[in-house]
Amino acid sequence: MPSAALIGRGTRRLLATSLGALIGITAVAAPAGADIGRVTEYPITTTADTLPAGITAGPDGALWFAGSGVGRIGRISAGGKVTDFPTSSPDSFPLDITPGPDRALWFTEGKANRIGRITTSGRLREFPVPTADSFPAGIAPGPDGALWFTEQNGNRIGRITTTGRVTEYPLPTLSASPYSIAAGPDGGLWFTELLAGRIGRIGVTGRITEFPLPGDSRFPDDIVAGPGGMWFTASGSNSIGLITATGRVTRFPLPDPDGGASGITRGPDGHVWYADQAGRIGRVGPNGGITTLPVPGDADKVPPFRITAGPRRTVWFTELFGNAIGRVRIATG
């Protein structure tokens, strides 16, 4: 089952539900007045109980995802065909995944305490993290040609070169639980501190700055660069957050009272998109207005978890408990 880090406010209630796989491919149009796109879902047929977590666009035009429940890395073509590749252990718990500067995919293995690399043909290499039981969680490419990752239990930010050399930087705040990480427009890496309620920034020289969030923005989760700064989700508040380079935070309330934003990305249309654990995909417009699009089926069984921009004006998302990958084809106009 997922680690405590995956269990945000909206996800906790899902632990009592069964994981049942989706049958067939379903689609739903956006409701009237919310013409932002159309959702299609693709069931993962290669393995049951995959628990797809992180997802990213690969250099081969496909989407790649971390199968956290089965220790596998999955690939889904633009047409919905799924293949997957095993890591060295079924309980390695791959969590996040990103393209590297070397045309390979790089990913974290939380339980195995490793950083993995896989080519588009499925060739695998794995590198141990020096700090024992550090639980690497998020990963992102940096402007220096290396990969940067968070160590949730180790309370460190790690840097790994494409040859596998790892450097670690301890956080100033104890037990901060760094989780997601993304490159910023300022040349630094920005990350969420799940338990400390802060957003952190690390420069390529290793200097760390931390910014406290407002008291009701607890448990910051995913983060991405977008218009005006870094955008993030926080399960402790019913909103999307934006933090500037100076630490100023603006919040955009979600339109639904039961919302629970999880993953976040900048879409190919330039807008910020997020995955809502209440069973919706949302988009933040240029004026801060939020429009949502429902995902088909029972929201308690198919909550979107992570989301990424895809090719040809699409965004893709994982359904952690639905054993499926979803696609939003963004509406024109």
C-alpha atoms as a PDB file:
ATOM      1  CA  MET A   1       0.000   0.000   0.000  1.00  0.00           C
ATOM      2  CA  PRO A   2       1.106   3.625  -0.417  1.00  0.00           C
ATOM      3  CA  SER A   3       3.271   5.280   2.202  1.00  0.00           C
ATOM      4  CA  ALA A   4       1.857   7.876   4.559  1.00  0.00           C
ATOM      5  CA  ALA A   5       3.120  10.568   2.214  1.00  0.00           C
ATOM      6  CA  LEU A   6       0.565   9.549  -0.391  1.00  0.00           C
ATOM      7  CA  ILE A   7      -2.311   9.743   2.034  1.00  0.00           C
ATOM      8  CA  GLY A   8      -3.585  13.300   1.869  1.00  0.00           C
ATOM      9  CA  ARG A   9      -6.936  14.452   3.177  1.00  0.00           C
ATOM     10  CA  GLY A  10      -8.800  13.246   0.110  1.00  0.00           C
ATOM     11  CA  THR A  11      -6.884   9.965  -0.148  1.00  0.00           C
ATOM     12  CA  ARG A  12      -7.430   8.767   3.427  1.00  0.00           C
ATOM     13  CA  ARG A  13     -11.055   7.958   2.791  1.00  0.00           C
ATOM     14  CA  LEU A  14     -10.035   5.805  -0.167  1.00  0.00           C
ATOM     15  CA  LEU A  15      -8.189   3.238   1.906  1.00  0.00           C
ATOM     16  CA  ALA A  16     -11.479   1.643   2.889  1.00  0.00           C
ATOM     17  CA  THR A  17     -12.498   1.117  -0.737  1.00  0.00           C
ATOM     18  CA  SER A  18     -11.575  -1.757  -3.015  1.00  0.00           C
ATOM     19  CA  LEU A  19      -9.098  -1.244  -5.816  1.00  0.00           C
ATOM     20  CA  GLY A  20     -11.177  -2.819  -8.577  1.00  0.00           C
ATOM     21  CA  ALA A  21      -9.911  -2.330 -12.138  1.00  0.00           C
ATOM     22  CA  LEU A  22     -11.888  -0.363 -14.705  1.00  0.00           C
ATOM     23  CA  ILE A  23     -13.458  -2.227 -17.586  1.00  0.00           C
ATOM     24  CA  GLY A  24     -13.115  -0.895 -21.097  1.00  0.00           C
ATOM     25  CA  ILE A  25     -12.416   2.666 -22.155  1.00  0.00           C
ATOM     26  CA  THR A  26     -14.883   5.362 -21.153  1.00  0.00           C
ATOM     27  CA  ALA A  27     -15.154   9.002 -22.043  1.00  0.00           C
ATOM     28  CA  VAL A  28     -17.191  11.966 -20.909  1.00  0.00           C
ATOM     29  CA  ALA A  29     -17.578  15.442 -22.299  1.00  0.00           C
ATOM     30  CA  ALA A  30     -17.169  18.512 -20.124  1.00  0.00           C
ATOM     31  CA  PRO A  31     -20.438  19.773 -18.640  1.00  0.00           C
ATOM     32  CA  ALA A  32     -22.169  22.790 -20.140  1.00  0.00           C
ATOM     33  CA  GLY A  33     -20.279  25.983 -19.346  1.00  0.00           C
ATOM     34  CA  ALA A  34     -17.042  24.107 -18.679  1.00  0.00           C
ATOM     35  CA  ASP A  35     -15.765  23.357 -22.157  1.00  0.00           C
ATOM     36  CA  ILE A  36     -12.119  22.727 -21.287  1.00  0.00           C
ATOM     37  CA  GLY A  37     -11.672  19.222 -22.643  1.00  0.00           C
ATOM     38  CA  ARG A  38     -12.730  15.620 -22.906  1.00  0.00           C
ATOM     39  CA  VAL A  39     -11.595  12.757 -20.667  1.00  0.00           C
ATOM     40  CA  THR A  40     -10.660   9.270 -21.829  1.00  0.00           C
ATOM     41  CA  GLU A  41      -9.511   6.510 -19.456  1.00  0.00           C
ATOM     42  CA  TYR A  42      -7.277   3.563 -20.309  1.00  0.00           C
ATOM     43  CA  PRO A  43      -7.222   0.600 -17.919  1.00  0.00           C
ATOM     44  CA  ILE A  44      -3.838  -0.875 -17.037  1.00  0.00           C
ATOM     45  CA  THR A  45      -4.170  -4.427 -18.305  1.00  0.00           C
ATOM     46  CA  THR A  46      -0.598  -5.619 -17.756  1.00  0.00           C
ATOM     47  CA  THR A  47      -0.800  -5.905 -13.953  1.00  0.00           C
ATOM     48  CA  ALA A  48      -3.482  -5.622 -11.290  1.00  0.00           C
ATOM     49  CA  ASP A  49      -3.172  -3.285  -8.297  1.00  0.00           C
ATOM     50  CA  THR A  50      -0.514  -1.269 -10.099  1.00  0.00           C
ATOM     51  CA  LEU A  51      -1.137   1.889  -8.038  1.00  0.00           C
ATOM     52  CA  PRO A  52       0.129   4.224 -10.792  1.00  0.00           C
ATOM     53  CA  ALA A  53       1.697   7.277  -9.156  1.00  0.00           C
ATOM     54  CA  GLY A  54       4.037   9.704 -10.980  1.00  0.00           C
ATOM     55  CA  ILE A  55       3.629  10.257 -14.716  1.00  0.00           C
ATOM     56  CA  THR A  56       5.625  12.167 -17.320  1.00  0.00           C
ATOM     57  CA  ALA A  57       5.997  12.594 -21.067  1.00  0.00           C
ATOM     58  CA  GLY A  58       8.903  10.604 -22.486  1.00  0.00           C
ATOM     59  CA  PRO A  59      11.307  11.436 -25.322  1.00  0.00           C
ATOM     60  CA  ASP A  60       9.614   8.790 -27.475  1.00  0.00           C
ATOM     61  CA  GLY A  61       6.225  10.527 -27.619  1.00  0.00           C
ATOM     62  CA  ALA A  62       4.670   8.166 -25.059  1.00  0.00           C
ATOM     63  CA  LEU A  63       3.759   8.715 -21.415  1.00  0.00           C
ATOM     64  CA  TRP A  64       5.710   6.917 -18.695  1.00  0.00           C
ATOM     65  CA  PHE A  65       4.455   6.193 -15.188  1.00  0.00           C
ATOM     66  CA  ALA A  66       5.597   4.665 -11.905  1.00  0.00           C
ATOM     67  CA  GLY A  67       3.735   1.491 -10.876  1.00  0.00           C
ATOM     68  CA  SER A  68       4.222   1.903  -7.139  1.00  0.00           C
ATOM     69  CA  GLY A  69       2.207  -1.156  -6.120  1.00  0.00           C
ATOM     70  CA  VAL A  70       4.067  -3.651  -8.307  1.00  0.00           C
ATOM     71  CA  GLY A  71       7.603  -2.284  -8.654  1.00  0.00           C
ATOM     72  CA  ARG A  72       7.314  -1.636 -12.374  1.00  0.00           C
ATOM     73  CA  ILE A  73       7.715   1.272 -14.769  1.00  0.00           C
ATOM     74  CA  GLY A  74       4.894   1.608 -17.267  1.00  0.00           C
ATOM     75  CA  ARG A  75       4.628   3.107 -20.736  1.00  0.00           C
ATOM     76  CA  ILE A  76       1.403   4.139 -22.421  1.00  0.00           C
ATOM     77  CA  SER A  77       1.307   5.162 -26.053  1.00  0.00           C
ATOM     78  CA  ALA A  78      -0.718   8.110 -27.303  1.00  0.00           C
ATOM     79  CA  GLY A  79      -3.297   5.569 -28.436  1.00  0.00           C
ATOM     80  CA  GLY A  80      -3.586   3.933 -25.011  1.00  0.00           C
ATOM     81  CA  LYS A  81      -1.451   0.786 -25.394  1.00  0.00           C
ATOM     82  CA  VAL A  82       0.242  -0.098 -22.086  1.00  0.00           C
ATOM     83  CA  THR A  83       3.505  -1.979 -21.620  1.00  0.00           C
ATOM     84  CA  ASP A  84       5.645  -2.164 -18.510  1.00  0.00           C
ATOM     85  CA  PHE A  85       9.101  -3.101 -17.283  1.00  0.00           C
ATOM     86  CA  PRO A  86      10.102  -4.540 -13.894  1.00  0.00           C
ATOM     87  CA  THR A  87      12.531  -2.889 -11.539  1.00  0.00           C
ATOM     88  CA  SER A  88      14.876  -5.165  -9.602  1.00  0.00           C
ATOM     89  CA  SER A  89      12.251  -5.761  -6.900  1.00  0.00           C
ATOM     90  CA  PRO A  90       8.423  -5.887  -6.897  1.00  0.00           C
ATOM     91  CA  ASP A  91       8.336  -3.939  -3.629  1.00  0.00           C
ATOM     92  CA  SER A  92      10.810  -1.210  -4.671  1.00  0.00           C
ATOM     93  CA  PHE A  93       7.919   1.311  -4.642  1.00  0.00           C
ATOM     94  CA  PRO A  94       8.687   3.576  -7.620  1.00  0.00           C
ATOM     95  CA  LEU A  95       6.962   6.858  -6.912  1.00  0.00           C
ATOM     96  CA  ASP A  96       7.949   9.732  -9.206  1.00  0.00           C
ATOM     97  CA  ILE A  97       9.382   9.775 -12.732  1.00  0.00           C
ATOM     98  CA  THR A  98      10.875  12.407 -15.035  1.00  0.00           C
ATOM     99  CA  PRO A  99      12.759  12.641 -18.339  1.00  0.00           C
ATOM    100  CA  GLY A 100      16.501  13.096 -17.962  1.00  0.00           C
ATOM    101  CA  PRO A 101      18.983  15.033 -20.107  1.00  0.00           C
ATOM    102  CA  ASP A 102      20.184  11.743 -21.597  1.00  0.00           C
ATOM    103  CA  ARG A 103      16.912  10.705 -23.317  1.00  0.00           C
ATOM    104  CA  ALA A 104      16.180   8.210 -20.558  1.00  0.00           C
ATOM    105  CA  LEU A 105      13.548   8.228 -17.807  1.00  0.00           C
ATOM    106  CA  TRP A 106      14.683   8.664 -14.201  1.00  0.00           C
ATOM    107  CA  PHE A 107      12.607   7.644 -11.207  1.00  0.00           C
ATOM    108  CA  THR A 108      12.635   7.281  -7.438  1.00  0.00           C
ATOM    109  CA  GLU A 109      12.322   3.956  -5.615  1.00  0.00           C
ATOM    110  CA  GLY A 110      11.174   4.783  -2.108  1.00  0.00           C
ATOM    111  CA  LYS A 111      11.364   1.440  -0.331  1.00  0.00           C
ATOM    112  CA  ALA A 112      14.422   0.253  -2.245  1.00  0.00           C
ATOM    113  CA  ASN A 113      16.203   3.558  -1.440  1.00  0.00           C
ATOM    114  CA  ARG A 114      17.426   3.887  -5.008  1.00  0.00           C
ATOM    115  CA  ILE A 115      17.257   6.176  -8.009  1.00  0.00           C
ATOM    116  CA  GLY A 116      16.428   4.307 -11.201  1.00  0.00           C
ATOM    117  CA  ARG A 117      17.120   4.985 -14.848  1.00  0.00           C
ATOM    118  CA  ILE A 118      15.325   3.283 -17.713  1.00  0.00           C
ATOM    119  CA  THR A 119      15.737   3.748 -21.441  1.00  0.00           C
ATOM    120  CA  THR A 120      12.805   3.819 -23.813  1.00  0.00           C
ATOM    121  CA  SER A 121      13.710   0.263 -24.819  1.00  0.00           C
ATOM    122  CA  GLY A 122      13.426  -0.888 -21.197  1.00  0.00           C
ATOM    123  CA  ARG A 123      17.080  -1.134 -20.189  1.00  0.00           C
ATOM    124  CA  LEU A 124      17.348  -0.563 -16.438  1.00  0.00           C
ATOM    125  CA  ARG A 125      20.039   0.775 -14.085  1.00  0.00           C
ATOM    126  CA  GLU A 126      19.631   1.562 -10.389  1.00  0.00           C
ATOM    127  CA  PHE A 127      21.774   3.649  -8.053  1.00  0.00           C
ATOM    128  CA  PRO A 128      21.657   3.445  -4.233  1.00  0.00           C
ATOM    129  CA  VAL A 129      21.063   6.571  -2.154  1.00  0.00           C
ATOM    130  CA  PRO A 130      23.891   6.966   0.417  1.00  0.00           C
ATOM    131  CA  THR A 131      21.660   7.753   3.420  1.00  0.00           C
ATOM    132  CA  ALA A 132      19.972   4.556   4.610  1.00  0.00           C
ATOM    133  CA  ASP A 133      16.162   4.391   4.511  1.00  0.00           C
ATOM    134  CA  SER A 134      15.933   7.915   3.127  1.00  0.00           C
ATOM    135  CA  PHE A 135      12.853   7.131   0.966  1.00  0.00           C
ATOM    136  CA  PRO A 136      13.498   9.117  -2.217  1.00  0.00           C
ATOM    137  CA  ALA A 137      10.180  10.542  -3.345  1.00  0.00           C
ATOM    138  CA  GLY A 138      10.159  13.348  -5.935  1.00  0.00           C
ATOM    139  CA  ILE A 139      12.609  13.830  -8.813  1.00  0.00           C
ATOM    140  CA  ALA A 140      13.202  16.495 -11.449  1.00  0.00           C
ATOM    141  CA  PRO A 141      15.891  17.503 -13.950  1.00  0.00           C
ATOM    142  CA  GLY A 142      17.989  20.500 -12.947  1.00  0.00           C
ATOM    143  CA  PRO A 143      19.527  23.269 -15.058  1.00  0.00           C
ATOM    144  CA  ASP A 144      22.980  21.797 -14.396  1.00  0.00           C
ATOM    145  CA  GLY A 145      22.426  18.562 -16.329  1.00  0.00           C
ATOM    146  CA  ALA A 146      21.852  16.478 -13.180  1.00  0.00           C
ATOM    147  CA  LEU A 147      18.727  15.039 -11.577  1.00  0.00           C
ATOM    148  CA  TRP A 148      17.563  16.402  -8.218  1.00  0.00           C
ATOM    149  CA  PHE A 149      15.422  14.426  -5.798  1.00  0.00           C
ATOM    150  CA  THR A 150      13.850  14.638  -2.359  1.00  0.00           C
ATOM    151  CA  GLU A 151      14.618  12.269   0.507  1.00  0.00           C
ATOM    152  CA  GLN A 152      11.409  12.176   2.489  1.00  0.00           C
ATOM    153  CA  ASN A 153      12.671  10.236   5.495  1.00  0.00           C
ATOM    154  CA  GLY A 154      16.298  11.346   5.155  1.00  0.00           C
ATOM    155  CA  ASN A 155      15.235  15.029   5.284  1.00  0.00           C
ATOM    156  CA  ARG A 156      17.638  15.835   2.474  1.00  0.00           C
ATOM    157  CA  ILE A 157      17.707  16.989  -1.107  1.00  0.00           C
ATOM    158  CA  GLY A 158      19.780  14.767  -3.367  1.00  0.00           C
ATOM    159  CA  ARG A 159      21.564  15.402  -6.631  1.00  0.00           C
ATOM    160  CA  ILE A 160      22.550  12.595  -8.985  1.00  0.00           C
ATOM    161  CA  THR A 161      24.611  12.896 -12.149  1.00  0.00           C
ATOM    162  CA  THR A 162      23.816  10.821 -15.215  1.00  0.00           C
ATOM    163  CA  THR A 163      26.749   8.583 -14.255  1.00  0.00           C
ATOM    164  CA  GLY A 164      25.200   7.867 -10.854  1.00  0.00           C
ATOM    165  CA  ARG A 165      27.230  10.073  -8.520  1.00  0.00           C
ATOM    166  CA  VAL A 166      25.055  11.278  -5.613  1.00  0.00           C
ATOM    167  CA  THR A 167      25.462  14.370  -3.422  1.00  0.00           C
ATOM    168  CA  GLU A 168      23.119  15.084  -0.504  1.00  0.00           C
ATOM    169  CA  TYR A 169      22.125  18.349   1.185  1.00  0.00           C
ATOM    170  CA  PRO A 170      20.448  18.264   4.645  1.00  0.00           C
ATOM    171  CA  LEU A 171      17.474  20.571   5.201  1.00  0.00           C
ATOM    172  CA  PRO A 172      17.710  23.287   7.867  1.00  0.00           C
ATOM    173  CA  THR A 173      14.311  22.275   9.304  1.00  0.00           C
ATOM    174  CA  LEU A 174      14.221  18.939  11.105  1.00  0.00           C
ATOM    175  CA  SER A 175      11.623  16.330  10.052  1.00  0.00           C
ATOM    176  CA  ALA A 176      10.401  18.559   7.217  1.00  0.00           C
ATOM    177  CA  SER A 177       9.622  15.553   4.977  1.00  0.00           C
ATOM    178  CA  PRO A 178      10.582  16.974   1.540  1.00  0.00           C
ATOM    179  CA  TYR A 179       8.311  15.440  -1.049  1.00  0.00           C
ATOM    180  CA  SER A 180       7.866  16.861  -4.586  1.00  0.00           C
ATOM    181  CA  ILE A 181      10.465  18.895  -6.501  1.00  0.00           C
ATOM    182  CA  ALA A 182      10.537  20.915  -9.727  1.00  0.00           C
ATOM    183  CA  ALA A 183      12.911  23.223 -11.550  1.00  0.00           C
ATOM    184  CA  GLY A 184      12.027  26.901 -11.306  1.00  0.00           C
ATOM    185  CA  PRO A 185      12.443  29.732 -13.824  1.00  0.00           C
ATOM    186  CA  ASP A 186      15.101  31.288 -11.543  1.00  0.00           C
ATOM    187  CA  GLY A 187      17.660  28.507 -11.977  1.00  0.00           C
ATOM    188  CA  GLY A 188      16.867  26.806  -8.671  1.00  0.00           C
ATOM    189  CA  LEU A 189      14.939  23.692  -7.660  1.00  0.00           C
ATOM    190  CA  TRP A 190      11.770  24.215  -5.627  1.00  0.00           C
ATOM    191  CA  PHE A 191      10.313  21.555  -3.355  1.00  0.00           C
ATOM    192  CA  THR A 192       7.476  20.957  -0.918  1.00  0.00           C
ATOM    193  CA  GLU A 193       8.003  20.162   2.761  1.00  0.00           C
ATOM    194  CA  LEU A 194       5.080  17.927   3.562  1.00  0.00           C
ATOM    195  CA  LEU A 195       5.223  18.010   7.360  1.00  0.00           C
ATOM    196  CA  ALA A 196       6.882  21.398   7.926  1.00  0.00           C
ATOM    197  CA  GLY A 197       4.272  23.287   5.887  1.00  0.00           C
ATOM    198  CA  ARG A 198       6.934  25.074   3.848  1.00  0.00           C
ATOM    199  CA  ILE A 199       8.121  25.509   0.305  1.00  0.00           C
ATOM    200  CA  GLY A 200      11.884  25.177  -0.126  1.00  0.00           C
ATOM    201  CA  ARG A 201      14.337  26.267  -2.776  1.00  0.00           C
ATOM    202  CA  ILE A 202      17.800  24.859  -3.410  1.00  0.00           C
ATOM    203  CA  GLY A 203      20.317  26.385  -5.773  1.00  0.00           C
ATOM    204  CA  VAL A 204      22.673  24.271  -7.844  1.00  0.00           C
ATOM    205  CA  THR A 205      25.435  25.072  -5.331  1.00  0.00           C
ATOM    206  CA  GLY A 206      23.368  23.490  -2.538  1.00  0.00           C
ATOM    207  CA  ARG A 207      22.170  26.622  -0.753  1.00  0.00           C
ATOM    208  CA  ILE A 208      18.692  26.070   0.708  1.00  0.00           C
ATOM    209  CA  THR A 209      16.029  28.685   1.482  1.00  0.00           C
ATOM    210  CA  GLU A 210      12.695  27.854   3.105  1.00  0.00           C
ATOM    211  CA  PHE A 211       9.436  29.812   2.973  1.00  0.00           C
ATOM    212  CA  PRO A 212       6.695  29.135   5.564  1.00  0.00           C
ATOM    213  CA  LEU A 213       3.162  28.845   4.226  1.00  0.00           C
ATOM    214  CA  PRO A 214       0.019  30.334   5.797  1.00  0.00           C
ATOM    215  CA  GLY A 215      -1.269  28.238   8.683  1.00  0.00           C
ATOM    216  CA  ASP A 216      -4.148  26.706   6.724  1.00  0.00           C
ATOM    217  CA  SER A 217      -1.942  25.667   3.772  1.00  0.00           C
ATOM    218  CA  ARG A 218      -0.718  22.539   5.504  1.00  0.00           C
ATOM    219  CA  PHE A 219       0.786  19.495   3.814  1.00  0.00           C
ATOM    220  CA  PRO A 220       2.094  21.000   0.550  1.00  0.00           C
ATOM    221  CA  ASP A 221       2.220  18.187  -1.976  1.00  0.00           C
ATOM    222  CA  ASP A 222       3.044  18.604  -5.678  1.00  0.00           C
ATOM    223  CA  ILE A 223       4.776  21.607  -7.298  1.00  0.00           C
ATOM    224  CA  VAL A 224       5.436  22.939 -10.801  1.00  0.00           C
ATOM    225  CA  ALA A 225       6.714  26.081 -12.517  1.00  0.00           C
ATOM    226  CA  GLY A 226       3.971  28.198 -14.064  1.00  0.00           C
ATOM    227  CA  PRO A 227       2.929  31.769 -14.804  1.00  0.00           C
ATOM    228  CA  GLY A 228       4.259  34.080 -12.109  1.00  0.00           C
ATOM    229  CA  GLY A 229       6.223  31.546 -10.066  1.00  0.00           C
ATOM    230  CA  MET A 230       5.829  28.073  -8.601  1.00  0.00           C
ATOM    231  CA  TRP A 231       2.368  26.541  -8.279  1.00  0.00           C
ATOM    232  CA  PHE A 232       1.597  23.905  -5.673  1.00  0.00           C
ATOM    233  CA  THR A 233      -1.148  21.818  -4.125  1.00  0.00           C
ATOM    234  CA  ALA A 234      -1.732  21.489  -0.383  1.00  0.00           C
ATOM    235  CA  SER A 235      -4.108  18.938   1.096  1.00  0.00           C
ATOM    236  CA  GLY A 236      -4.519  21.063   4.226  1.00  0.00           C
ATOM    237  CA  SER A 237      -6.365  23.777   2.300  1.00  0.00           C
ATOM    238  CA  ASN A 238      -9.055  23.709  -0.335  1.00  0.00           C
ATOM    239  CA  SER A 239      -6.995  25.761  -2.789  1.00  0.00           C
ATOM    240  CA  ILE A 240      -4.162  25.938  -5.316  1.00  0.00           C
ATOM    241  CA  GLY A 241      -1.132  27.972  -4.215  1.00  0.00           C
ATOM    242  CA  LEU A 242       1.280  30.229  -6.085  1.00  0.00           C
ATOM    243  CA  ILE A 243       4.592  31.282  -4.532  1.00  0.00           C
ATOM    244  CA  THR A 244       6.869  33.919  -6.030  1.00  0.00           C
ATOM    245  CA  ALA A 245      10.669  33.984  -5.922  1.00  0.00           C
ATOM    246  CA  THR A 246      10.473  36.224  -2.839  1.00  0.00           C
ATOM    247  CA  GLY A 247       8.143  33.847  -0.973  1.00  0.00           C
ATOM    248  CA  ARG A 248       4.868  35.697  -1.443  1.00  0.00           C
ATOM    249  CA  VAL A 249       1.960  33.237  -1.489  1.00  0.00           C
ATOM    250  CA  THR A 250      -1.363  33.649  -3.292  1.00  0.00           C
ATOM    251  CA  ARG A 251      -4.125  31.102  -2.960  1.00  0.00           C
ATOM    252  CA  PHE A 252      -6.860  30.246  -5.442  1.00  0.00           C
ATOM    253  CA  PRO A 253      -9.826  28.544  -3.707  1.00  0.00           C
ATOM    254  CA  LEU A 254     -11.191  25.413  -5.342  1.00  0.00           C
ATOM    255  CA  PRO A 255     -14.797  25.737  -6.521  1.00  0.00           C
ATOM    256  CA  ASP A 256     -15.923  22.490  -4.883  1.00  0.00           C
ATOM    257  CA  PRO A 257     -16.155  22.183  -1.083  1.00  0.00           C
ATOM    258  CA  ASP A 258     -15.000  18.560  -1.152  1.00  0.00           C
ATOM    259  CA  GLY A 259     -11.990  19.271  -3.371  1.00  0.00           C
ATOM    260  CA  GLY A 260      -8.589  17.777  -2.611  1.00  0.00           C
ATOM    261  CA  ALA A 261      -5.996  18.886  -5.162  1.00  0.00           C
ATOM    262  CA  SER A 262      -3.084  16.466  -5.525  1.00  0.00           C
ATOM    263  CA  GLY A 263      -0.968  16.579  -8.699  1.00  0.00           C
ATOM    264  CA  ILE A 264      -0.274  19.767 -10.662  1.00  0.00           C
ATOM    265  CA  THR A 265       1.281  20.606 -14.038  1.00  0.00           C
ATOM    266  CA  ARG A 266       1.514  23.344 -16.645  1.00  0.00           C
ATOM    267  CA  GLY A 267      -0.470  22.253 -19.662  1.00  0.00           C
ATOM    268  CA  PRO A 268       0.461  22.695 -23.317  1.00  0.00           C
ATOM    269  CA  ASP A 269      -2.069  25.550 -23.417  1.00  0.00           C
ATOM    270  CA  GLY A 270       0.004  27.517 -20.872  1.00  0.00           C
ATOM    271  CA  HIS A 271      -2.561  27.121 -18.085  1.00  0.00           C
ATOM    272  CA  VAL A 272      -2.037  25.314 -14.787  1.00  0.00           C
ATOM    273  CA  TRP A 273      -3.909  21.998 -14.514  1.00  0.00           C
ATOM    274  CA  TYR A 274      -4.401  19.899 -11.396  1.00  0.00           C
ATOM    275  CA  ALA A 275      -5.712  16.490 -10.371  1.00  0.00           C
ATOM    276  CA  ASP A 276      -8.423  16.559  -7.716  1.00  0.00           C
ATOM    277  CA  GLN A 277      -8.876  13.515  -5.482  1.00  0.00           C
ATOM    278  CA  ALA A 278     -12.617  14.184  -5.444  1.00  0.00           C
ATOM    279  CA  GLY A 279     -12.724  12.834  -9.008  1.00  0.00           C
ATOM    280  CA  ARG A 280     -12.077  15.908 -11.141  1.00  0.00           C
ATOM    281  CA  ILE A 281      -9.450  17.531 -13.318  1.00  0.00           C
ATOM    282  CA  GLY A 282      -9.172  21.287 -12.857  1.00  0.00           C
ATOM    283  CA  ARG A 283      -7.693  24.175 -14.793  1.00  0.00           C
ATOM    284  CA  VAL A 284      -6.683  27.571 -13.420  1.00  0.00           C
ATOM    285  CA  GLY A 285      -7.388  30.322 -15.946  1.00  0.00           C
ATOM    286  CA  PRO A 286      -5.295  33.434 -16.554  1.00  0.00           C
ATOM    287  CA  ASN A 287      -7.449  35.484 -14.158  1.00  0.00           C
ATOM    288  CA  GLY A 288      -7.291  32.835 -11.414  1.00  0.00           C
ATOM    289  CA  GLY A 289     -10.705  31.365 -12.179  1.00  0.00           C
ATOM    290  CA  ILE A 290     -10.926  27.584 -11.851  1.00  0.00           C
ATOM    291  CA  THR A 291     -12.905  25.269 -14.127  1.00  0.00           C
ATOM    292  CA  THR A 292     -13.285  21.566 -13.407  1.00  0.00           C
ATOM    293  CA  LEU A 293     -13.937  18.515 -15.512  1.00  0.00           C
ATOM    294  CA  PRO A 294     -15.328  15.318 -13.948  1.00  0.00           C
ATOM    295  CA  VAL A 295     -13.618  11.972 -14.399  1.00  0.00           C
ATOM    296  CA  PRO A 296     -16.080   9.192 -15.289  1.00  0.00           C
ATOM    297  CA  GLY A 297     -17.205   6.650 -12.731  1.00  0.00           C
ATOM    298  CA  ASP A 298     -17.254   6.536  -8.945  1.00  0.00           C
ATOM    299  CA  ALA A 299     -15.033   9.340  -7.626  1.00  0.00           C
ATOM    300  CA  ASP A 300     -14.193   7.270  -4.539  1.00  0.00           C
ATOM    301  CA  LYS A 301     -12.598   4.608  -6.743  1.00  0.00           C
ATOM    302  CA  VAL A 302     -10.951   6.625  -9.526  1.00  0.00           C
ATOM    303  CA  PRO A 303      -9.421   9.699  -7.883  1.00  0.00           C
ATOM    304  CA  PRO A 304      -6.844  11.382 -10.144  1.00  0.00           C
ATOM    305  CA  PHE A 305      -3.465  11.535  -8.414  1.00  0.00           C
ATOM    306  CA  ARG A 306      -0.626  12.919 -10.579  1.00  0.00           C
ATOM    307  CA  ILE A 307      -0.872  14.854 -13.849  1.00  0.00           C
ATOM    308  CA  THR A 308       1.470  15.927 -16.646  1.00  0.00           C
ATOM    309  CA  ALA A 309       1.440  17.693 -20.002  1.00  0.00           C
ATOM    310  CA  GLY A 310       1.374  15.373 -22.992  1.00  0.00           C
ATOM    311  CA  PRO A 311       1.794  15.646 -26.756  1.00  0.00           C
ATOM    312  CA  ARG A 312      -0.719  17.145 -29.160  1.00  0.00           C
ATOM    313  CA  ARG A 313      -2.605  19.380 -26.717  1.00  0.00           C
ATOM    314  CA  THR A 314      -3.286  16.806 -24.021  1.00  0.00           C
ATOM    315  CA  VAL A 315      -2.745  16.362 -20.310  1.00  0.00           C
ATOM    316  CA  TRP A 316      -2.469  12.891 -18.776  1.00  0.00           C
ATOM    317  CA  PHE A 317      -3.104  11.704 -15.234  1.00  0.00           C
ATOM    318  CA  THR A 318      -2.827   8.612 -13.070  1.00  0.00           C
ATOM    319  CA  GLU A 319      -5.658   7.034 -11.104  1.00  0.00           C
ATOM    320  CA  LEU A 320      -3.868   5.706  -8.044  1.00  0.00           C
ATOM    321  CA  PHE A 321      -6.669   3.386  -6.952  1.00  0.00           C
ATOM    322  CA  GLY A 322      -8.420   2.965 -10.309  1.00  0.00           C
ATOM    323  CA  ASN A 323      -5.637   0.985 -12.026  1.00  0.00           C
ATOM    324  CA  ALA A 324      -5.948   3.300 -15.003  1.00  0.00           C
ATOM    325  CA  ILE A 325      -4.327   6.179 -16.853  1.00  0.00           C
ATOM    326  CA  GLY A 326      -6.470   9.105 -17.984  1.00  0.00           C
ATOM    327  CA  ARG A 327      -6.114  11.622 -20.788  1.00  0.00           C
ATOM    328  CA  VAL A 328      -7.691  15.030 -21.259  1.00  0.00           C
ATOM    329  CA  ARG A 329      -7.829  16.269 -24.807  1.00  0.00           C
ATOM    330  CA  ILE A 330      -7.873  20.037 -24.313  1.00  0.00           C
ATOM    331  CA  ALA A 331     -10.659  21.903 -26.070  1.00  0.00           C
ATOM    332  CA  THR A 332      -9.654  24.495 -28.645  1.00  0.00           C
ATOM    333  CA  GLY A 333     -10.647  28.107 -28.323  1.00  0.00           C
END
